[in-house]
Amino acid sequence: MTKFLSAAVLLATLATPAFAKDAPDSKRFTRDGETFVYTATTEGDATILSGRSASGRDFRLVVRNGYVTGKSGGIPVSFSVPAHAPIAGTEVASR
């Protein structure tokens, strides 16, 4: 569960924004066949990811100083963001 959640959160922070049908500021990504819809907001030096999986599990995660804390499906989670992960919204050079 922790591995899956870690990967899901990492993908949420790295996913290219795709707009959800029901809310124009929502983003979505699919991991292991399950779709996650979330919104990202900034509060001070933290990014808050709030959303729900297609199976109905809510999550709220706080990303601050390279560390993620929060709850997913009511279960507390915490882990560090990999150092090699690009910052969300960063464009990689291409030719």
Protein backbone atom coordinates (compact mmCIF):
# COMPACT_ATOMS: atom_id res chain seq x y z
CA MET A 1 0.00 0.00 0.00
CA THR A 2 2.77 2.44 0.92
CA LYS A 3 4.64 1.72 -2.32
CA PHE A 4 1.49 2.29 -4.35
CA LEU A 5 0.64 5.49 -2.52
CA SER A 6 4.20 6.77 -2.85
CA ALA A 7 4.13 6.17 -6.58
CA ALA A 8 0.67 7.70 -6.89
CA VAL A 9 1.66 10.85 -5.06
CA LEU A 10 4.87 11.18 -7.01
CA LEU A 11 2.91 10.85 -10.22
CA ALA A 12 0.40 13.39 -8.96
CA THR A 13 3.12 15.92 -8.44
CA LEU A 14 4.74 15.14 -11.79
CA ALA A 15 1.69 14.46 -13.95
CA THR A 16 0.99 16.71 -16.87
CA PRO A 17 -2.21 18.54 -16.01
CA ALA A 18 -5.29 17.20 -17.75
CA PHE A 19 -8.53 18.93 -16.98
CA ALA A 20 -11.32 16.95 -15.37
CA LYS A 21 -14.80 17.26 -16.80
CA ASP A 22 -16.46 18.23 -13.54
CA ALA A 23 -14.02 20.89 -12.32
CA PRO A 24 -11.86 23.03 -14.58
CA ASP A 25 -9.00 23.28 -12.04
CA SER A 26 -8.82 19.51 -11.39
CA LYS A 27 -6.02 17.34 -12.69
CA ARG A 28 -6.03 13.60 -13.21
CA PHE A 29 -3.65 10.72 -13.69
CA THR A 30 -3.95 6.96 -13.94
CA ARG A 31 -1.77 4.54 -12.00
CA ASP A 32 -2.15 0.74 -12.09
CA GLY A 33 -5.50 1.11 -13.87
CA GLU A 34 -7.02 3.44 -11.28
CA THR A 35 -7.73 7.09 -12.06
CA PHE A 36 -7.01 9.80 -9.49
CA VAL A 37 -8.54 13.29 -9.69
CA TYR A 38 -7.02 16.04 -7.57
CA THR A 39 -6.47 19.74 -7.15
CA ALA A 40 -3.18 21.33 -6.16
CA THR A 41 -3.07 24.54 -4.16
CA THR A 42 -0.22 26.49 -2.61
CA GLU A 43 -0.29 27.57 1.01
CA GLY A 44 2.87 29.37 2.06
CA ASP A 45 5.80 27.09 1.26
CA ALA A 46 3.64 23.96 0.87
CA THR A 47 1.69 22.42 -1.97
CA ILE A 48 -1.58 20.75 -0.95
CA LEU A 49 -2.84 17.86 -3.10
CA SER A 50 -6.48 16.98 -2.40
CA GLY A 51 -8.53 14.49 -4.34
CA ARG A 52 -10.20 11.14 -4.74
CA SER A 53 -9.44 7.88 -6.48
CA ALA A 54 -11.94 6.22 -8.80
CA SER A 55 -12.58 3.65 -6.04
CA GLY A 56 -13.74 6.48 -3.76
CA ARG A 57 -10.73 6.86 -1.45
CA ASP A 58 -10.10 10.50 -0.53
CA PHE A 59 -6.58 11.81 -0.04
CA ARG A 60 -5.03 15.05 1.20
CA LEU A 61 -1.28 15.38 1.03
CA VAL A 62 1.04 18.23 1.98
CA VAL A 63 4.30 18.53 0.02
CA ARG A 64 6.88 20.73 1.77
CA ASN A 65 10.68 20.82 1.78
CA GLY A 66 11.00 17.55 -0.14
CA TYR A 67 8.69 15.64 2.20
CA VAL A 68 5.08 14.47 1.85
CA THR A 69 2.69 13.98 4.77
CA GLY A 70 -1.05 13.45 4.92
CA LYS A 71 -3.77 10.82 4.67
CA SER A 72 -5.01 8.54 1.94
CA GLY A 73 -8.22 6.64 2.55
CA GLY A 74 -7.96 7.67 6.21
CA ILE A 75 -4.51 6.11 6.58
CA PRO A 76 -1.60 8.38 7.61
CA VAL A 77 1.26 8.49 5.10
CA SER A 78 4.65 10.21 5.03
CA PHE A 79 7.66 9.86 2.77
CA SER A 80 10.34 11.93 1.08
CA VAL A 81 10.14 13.03 -2.53
CA PRO A 82 12.98 11.51 -4.57
CA ALA A 83 15.81 14.00 -5.18
CA HIS A 84 15.80 13.27 -8.91
CA ALA A 85 12.09 14.12 -9.32
CA PRO A 86 11.53 17.22 -11.46
CA ILE A 87 9.45 20.04 -10.04
CA ALA A 88 5.85 19.99 -11.27
CA GLY A 89 5.40 22.38 -14.15
CA THR A 90 9.08 22.31 -15.09
CA GLU A 91 9.56 21.94 -18.83
CA VAL A 92 12.37 19.70 -20.00
CA ALA A 93 14.28 20.96 -23.02
CA SER A 94 13.42 19.27 -26.29
CA ARG A 95 14.41 19.61 -29.92
